[in-house]
Amino acid sequence: MRLLLALGLALTAAALTQPALAQQRDGPLRIEITEGVIEPLPVAIPDFIAENPAAEQYATSIARVIASDLTGTGLFRETPRDSYISRPTSFTSAVQFADWKAINTQALVTGAVSLGNDGRLTVKFRLFDIFAGAQMGEGLRFSGTADSWRRMAHKVADAVYSRITGEGGYFDSRVVFVSESGPKGQRRKRLAIMDYDGANLQFLTDDSTIVLAPRISADGRRILYTSYETGFPKVYVLDIGSVSKRALDIPAEALSFAPRFAPDGRTVVLSLQQGGNTDIYRTTINGGALQRLTLAPSIETAPSFSPDGKQMVFVSDRSGTPQLYIMGANGGDARRISFGKGRYGSPVWSPRGDLIAFAKQTKGRFHIGVMRLDGSEERLLTASFLDEGPTWSPNGRVIMFTRESKGAEGTRALYSVDITGRNLRRVPTENGASDAAWSPVLR
């Protein structure tokens, strides 16, 4: 399959030491890629067919969202629509492979939309390998309310992405973040949640108090965050569905911050400062007993679990400067994994389990980087006046982070970058934004 070969090459970058595998899900073909080039795959996405008049308003919009999802990865480029020689006239119409090959298209996505009398919208699609002259996999369909049309478009894009790359998609996901407005020094901050691409914004708190560092649970239903509602940092848990919140059951004299969910969604780790010392503790979402995990006299903070919940990475200055360490989920001996020059912070374990993302300050610049679990193969992906707060896409291919501009205004915005260091993009938000936390793919 030339299509799989072409995109398999695009997925592999010289900066990555492990070969990428591109595999067709519905067949035995398995292609190992050993050399990397970055050449986006040409894909055509004509307007979907409206199968009844009520669906006409969605046909073009759904196709445009799918195109935006795929091209936004940097792995695809859309074939110009004005170059089309032929277009599908129905969902079942035969594909004129020669017409698409003539304009150098390698993948074709066709689809149809219908809206029932019950208000249910149905979206179906097919994916074709133009060079092979064949359909890739069976056609799929998704149904939902008319208001959820964007989500169904994301689902189609996820399916197309997965079939071509062999990786899981990440478009049908959401991002929790801190929405910022007002001048520097008087910033008003609110928790907000949006689709991964900035659409469907919803505010979860008002701007009456400072909120920081939201973290989302593995099921996407709850958020942990730090609030100064009482005048001191305290960790709260918020239910996204009901938008109700409560403080975690933490001793009143302790300052709590930097929370993170375990993969089970019930266990919480966080930093507590009491008696002049900051350590990492473990508790449960429903107020279980506190278990102290670190005992050093240094500052221990910013814990993040491994995907299997058996280990965590965190920041400690026990060596004199903030560095990254890994220990078991129940505490115990920790091993240092960062040894480069500079100060490390905000470590986050990849959903794939193979990399740790981090923020780093060195030589007057801030960076987002990744390293292996033993600290090897450290690579800095970005550099700016201030980059911080990395969070992983559900498939572990993209990192979103906060970038602050230099100057009196010091505006902050969300950016994303591929783990190869390519495809740096600003994430659209209504106001300034920071402290993103990417949800898993929605169910």
Foldseek 3Di string as FASTA:
>chain_A
DVLLVLLLQQQDDPLDPDWAWGDAPVDDDIDTDDHHDNDAAEEEQDFEAEPDPVCVVLRRVLSVLLQCQRVLVSNHDYQDPVQQPDDDPHQPDQDPLVRCVVSVHQKYKYWYWYADPVQKIKIKIWMDGSVVSGTRDDIDMDIDGPVCSSLRSQVVSQVVVCSNGVFGRFQQWKKWWWFWDDFPVDIFTFIWMAGQQAHPIDTLGGRPWDKDFWAAAQQRFKIWIWTCPVPATFIKMAGPVVSDIDTAPDPPQWGWGQKYAANVRFKIWTWIDDPNAIFIWIATPNHGDIATADDDRWHKGNWEAALVRFKIKTWTCPVPATFIWMDTNRHDDIDTQADDPFHWHNWYAFNVRFKIWIWTDDPQWIFIWIAGPNNPSIDTLDIDNDWGQWEARQRRFKIKTKDFHDDRRRAIFIWMAGNVSPSIGTRDYPGGIHNMYMHHNHD
